[in-house]
Every structure is written in C-alpha cells, then in structure tokens.
Amino acid sequence: MIRRAASLLLVLATVTSLSACARRADVSGWLREAEAAHADADERLAQKDVAGAREALRSAAQAPVPEGARAADARVVRQDLYYRWAMLEADQGAPEEAVRVATEGLALGRGNDAFTANLEIVRGRAQESLGHAADASRDYHDALLVTEVLLDESLGTPERKP
C-alpha cells in the first residue's frame, strides 16, 4: 500500500498550484482544515474515540470546496480524507461502510495517482472481507494498473502498448 507520507506530500504540494490571490486565503484555510482533520482523527484514535475520529474525517471530506480551488487539487485532498475514513471503517470491522465510503471517494474522479490507488485498495480489502472475491479482484487490479503507471513514470519507462 502506498504510504500515507507520500500522499501528504502530494496534498501539501497543491498549495503551490493555487490560483487567484484573493481566493488563496480561503483555499489555504480549507487545506489547513483538511490537515487538521487528519491530526484530530489521529488524536481521537489515540484516545480510543473512534466515533470522534470518524466524524472529523467525514466532516472534512464532505466540506464544501472553496471557490478558487483547482478541481484536481480538491479531488486529491478530499480523496485522502475519504481514504482515511474508509480505512477507519475497515479497521473497525465495518466493511460495508468502508466500501460505501471508498466508492464515494472514487466518485469524485479518478487519476493515475496514489489517491485513486489507495481508495481502490481499501475498497478491495473491504470487498474481500465481505467475501466478494470478484469485486475485490477488480479493485485490486485497478489499483495495480494505477501503481504500474506511477512506477513507469518514476522510472521513465516508455509507455506500454496494450
């Protein structure tokens, strides 16, 4: 599974690609709130407050995106929150909810990035625990295709022909 640290670096990198100086404060505040939701969830989980962690992640994932945020940036920030939320549900023995949350996150869009792959992996894990082998296999396969593109890009491998 792709490490959370790498996804956080990508989320933080979105700050540099924001447009419209007047809107930058709103977008920056929204990014800080998303980051704070991760920290709040970590703190609550350390205190065994699963419901509080769930609510912190849910609230931030479903918060309105401020005007001025680039669509691609908003997608990855929100998908990172959905991933954490889906992982929480899976870890808490609620695979149906994990599938629902991951699916909601994937509905925001797909890309050849860690955010899409993470959601596919957590949904596959939840599908697997539900005994839905074919669905799990599809999710894992889709995640593998994304990670293959990422690996090719990082190694400078020429594009593959189908």
Protein backbone atom coordinates (compact mmCIF):
# COMPACT_ATOMS: atom_id res chain seq x y z
CA MET A 1 0.00 0.00 0.00
CA ILE A 2 1.26 3.43 -0.85
CA ARG A 3 2.48 5.19 2.24
CA ARG A 4 0.45 7.99 3.79
CA ALA A 5 3.54 10.19 3.99
CA ALA A 6 3.79 10.29 0.20
CA SER A 7 0.14 11.24 -0.12
CA LEU A 8 0.53 14.03 2.43
CA LEU A 9 3.44 15.44 0.45
CA LEU A 10 1.24 15.49 -2.62
CA VAL A 11 -1.58 17.17 -0.69
CA LEU A 12 0.77 19.83 0.65
CA ALA A 13 2.19 20.39 -2.83
CA THR A 14 -1.23 21.50 -4.02
CA VAL A 15 -0.80 24.75 -2.06
CA THR A 16 1.78 25.91 -4.58
CA SER A 17 -0.56 25.42 -7.54
CA LEU A 18 -3.46 27.56 -6.34
CA SER A 19 -4.68 30.44 -8.45
CA ALA A 20 -6.35 33.77 -7.73
CA CYS A 21 -4.54 35.56 -4.92
CA ALA A 22 -7.79 36.86 -3.44
CA ARG A 23 -9.10 33.32 -3.10
CA ARG A 24 -5.85 31.84 -1.87
CA ALA A 25 -6.70 32.56 1.79
CA ASP A 26 -9.97 30.62 1.53
CA VAL A 27 -8.29 27.70 -0.20
CA SER A 28 -5.34 27.72 2.21
CA GLY A 29 -7.74 27.75 5.15
CA TRP A 30 -9.62 24.81 3.68
CA LEU A 31 -6.35 22.91 3.22
CA ARG A 32 -5.38 23.65 6.84
CA GLU A 33 -8.79 22.35 7.97
CA ALA A 34 -8.28 19.14 6.00
CA GLU A 35 -4.84 18.69 7.53
CA ALA A 36 -6.27 19.45 10.98
CA ALA A 37 -8.95 16.80 10.46
CA HIS A 38 -6.21 14.19 9.94
CA ALA A 39 -4.47 15.33 13.13
CA ASP A 40 -7.76 15.40 15.04
CA ALA A 41 -8.57 11.87 13.85
CA ASP A 42 -5.12 10.67 14.95
CA GLU A 43 -5.56 12.24 18.38
CA ARG A 44 -9.06 10.84 18.81
CA LEU A 45 -7.97 7.36 17.77
CA ALA A 46 -5.15 7.52 20.31
CA GLN A 47 -7.84 8.22 22.91
CA LYS A 48 -9.98 5.33 21.55
CA ASP A 49 -12.62 7.82 20.36
CA VAL A 50 -13.47 6.10 17.08
CA ALA A 51 -16.75 7.99 16.65
CA GLY A 52 -14.95 11.32 17.05
CA ALA A 53 -12.26 10.32 14.56
CA ARG A 54 -14.90 9.19 12.10
CA GLU A 55 -16.78 12.48 12.44
CA ALA A 56 -13.62 14.57 11.98
CA LEU A 57 -12.80 12.76 8.74
CA ARG A 58 -16.39 12.68 7.47
CA SER A 59 -16.94 16.36 8.13
CA ALA A 60 -13.75 17.42 6.39
CA ALA A 61 -14.26 15.05 3.43
CA GLN A 62 -17.76 16.39 2.82
CA ALA A 63 -16.99 20.05 3.48
CA PRO A 64 -17.66 22.37 0.56
CA VAL A 65 -14.65 23.18 -1.56
CA PRO A 66 -13.95 26.91 -1.66
CA GLU A 67 -14.21 28.78 -4.93
CA GLY A 68 -10.78 29.16 -6.41
CA ALA A 69 -9.55 25.68 -5.58
CA ARG A 70 -8.44 23.78 -8.63
CA ALA A 71 -10.69 20.77 -9.26
CA ALA A 72 -7.78 18.32 -9.38
CA ASP A 73 -6.38 19.65 -6.10
CA ALA A 74 -9.77 19.48 -4.40
CA ARG A 75 -10.22 15.89 -5.58
CA VAL A 76 -6.97 14.64 -4.09
CA VAL A 77 -7.40 16.48 -0.79
CA ARG A 78 -10.90 15.09 -0.39
CA GLN A 79 -9.89 11.60 -1.57
CA ASP A 80 -7.13 11.47 1.04
CA LEU A 81 -9.78 12.14 3.70
CA TYR A 82 -12.13 9.54 2.22
CA TYR A 83 -9.28 7.03 2.23
CA ARG A 84 -8.58 7.59 5.93
CA TRP A 85 -12.29 7.35 6.67
CA ALA A 86 -12.69 4.12 4.66
CA MET A 87 -9.62 2.63 6.36
CA LEU A 88 -11.10 3.51 9.74
CA GLU A 89 -14.33 1.72 8.82
CA ALA A 90 -12.44 -1.34 7.56
CA ASP A 91 -10.27 -1.43 10.67
CA GLN A 92 -13.38 -1.19 12.85
CA GLY A 93 -14.96 -4.25 11.22
CA ALA A 94 -17.46 -2.30 9.10
CA PRO A 95 -16.58 -3.45 5.57
CA GLU A 96 -19.94 -2.44 4.07
CA GLU A 97 -19.38 1.11 5.28
CA ALA A 98 -15.76 1.01 4.06
CA VAL A 99 -16.97 0.05 0.58
CA ARG A 100 -19.57 2.85 0.64
CA VAL A 101 -17.05 5.48 1.78
CA ALA A 102 -14.35 4.39 -0.69
CA THR A 103 -16.90 4.38 -3.50
CA GLU A 104 -17.99 7.88 -2.54
CA GLY A 105 -14.37 9.00 -2.65
CA LEU A 106 -13.81 7.40 -6.06
CA ALA A 107 -16.94 9.12 -7.37
CA LEU A 108 -15.02 12.40 -7.07
CA GLY A 109 -12.92 11.27 -10.02
CA ARG A 110 -10.03 9.05 -10.86
CA GLY A 111 -6.46 9.72 -11.78
CA ASN A 112 -3.20 7.89 -12.11
CA ASP A 113 -2.25 8.85 -8.58
CA ALA A 114 -1.83 7.44 -5.10
CA PHE A 115 -5.21 8.79 -4.02
CA THR A 116 -7.13 6.71 -6.54
CA ALA A 117 -4.97 3.64 -5.85
CA ASN A 118 -5.42 3.95 -2.09
CA LEU A 119 -9.21 4.09 -2.41
CA GLU A 120 -9.19 1.08 -4.76
CA ILE A 121 -7.03 -0.88 -2.32
CA VAL A 122 -9.13 -0.14 0.75
CA ARG A 123 -12.32 -0.92 -1.15
CA GLY A 124 -10.78 -4.17 -2.39
CA ARG A 125 -9.81 -5.08 1.16
CA ALA A 126 -13.37 -4.43 2.35
CA GLN A 127 -14.87 -6.37 -0.58
CA GLU A 128 -12.54 -9.25 0.21
CA SER A 129 -13.63 -9.34 3.85
CA LEU A 130 -17.26 -9.43 2.67
CA GLY A 131 -16.48 -12.47 0.53
CA HIS A 132 -16.95 -10.54 -2.73
CA ALA A 133 -13.92 -12.02 -4.48
CA ALA A 134 -14.72 -10.76 -7.98
CA ASP A 135 -15.29 -7.18 -6.77
CA ALA A 136 -12.14 -7.28 -4.65
CA SER A 137 -10.14 -8.61 -7.57
CA ARG A 138 -11.38 -5.78 -9.82
CA ASP A 139 -10.47 -3.16 -7.22
CA TYR A 140 -7.02 -4.63 -6.62
CA HIS A 141 -6.45 -4.89 -10.37
CA ASP A 142 -7.47 -1.25 -10.91
CA ALA A 143 -5.10 -0.20 -8.11
CA LEU A 144 -2.32 -2.25 -9.69
CA LEU A 145 -2.84 -0.54 -13.04
CA VAL A 146 -2.54 2.88 -11.38
CA THR A 147 0.59 1.91 -9.45
CA GLU A 148 2.10 0.48 -12.63
CA VAL A 149 1.65 3.87 -14.35
CA LEU A 150 3.17 5.63 -11.34
CA LEU A 151 6.13 3.27 -11.33
CA ASP A 152 6.66 3.69 -15.07
CA GLU A 153 6.54 7.47 -14.68
CA SER A 154 9.00 7.46 -11.81
CA LEU A 155 11.43 5.21 -13.68
CA GLY A 156 11.00 6.99 -17.00
CA THR A 157 9.77 3.78 -18.63
CA PRO A 158 8.31 4.28 -22.11
CA GLU A 159 4.53 3.98 -22.39
CA ARG A 160 3.38 0.38 -22.80
CA LYS A 161 1.22 -0.73 -25.69
CA PRO A 162 -1.83 -2.86 -24.78
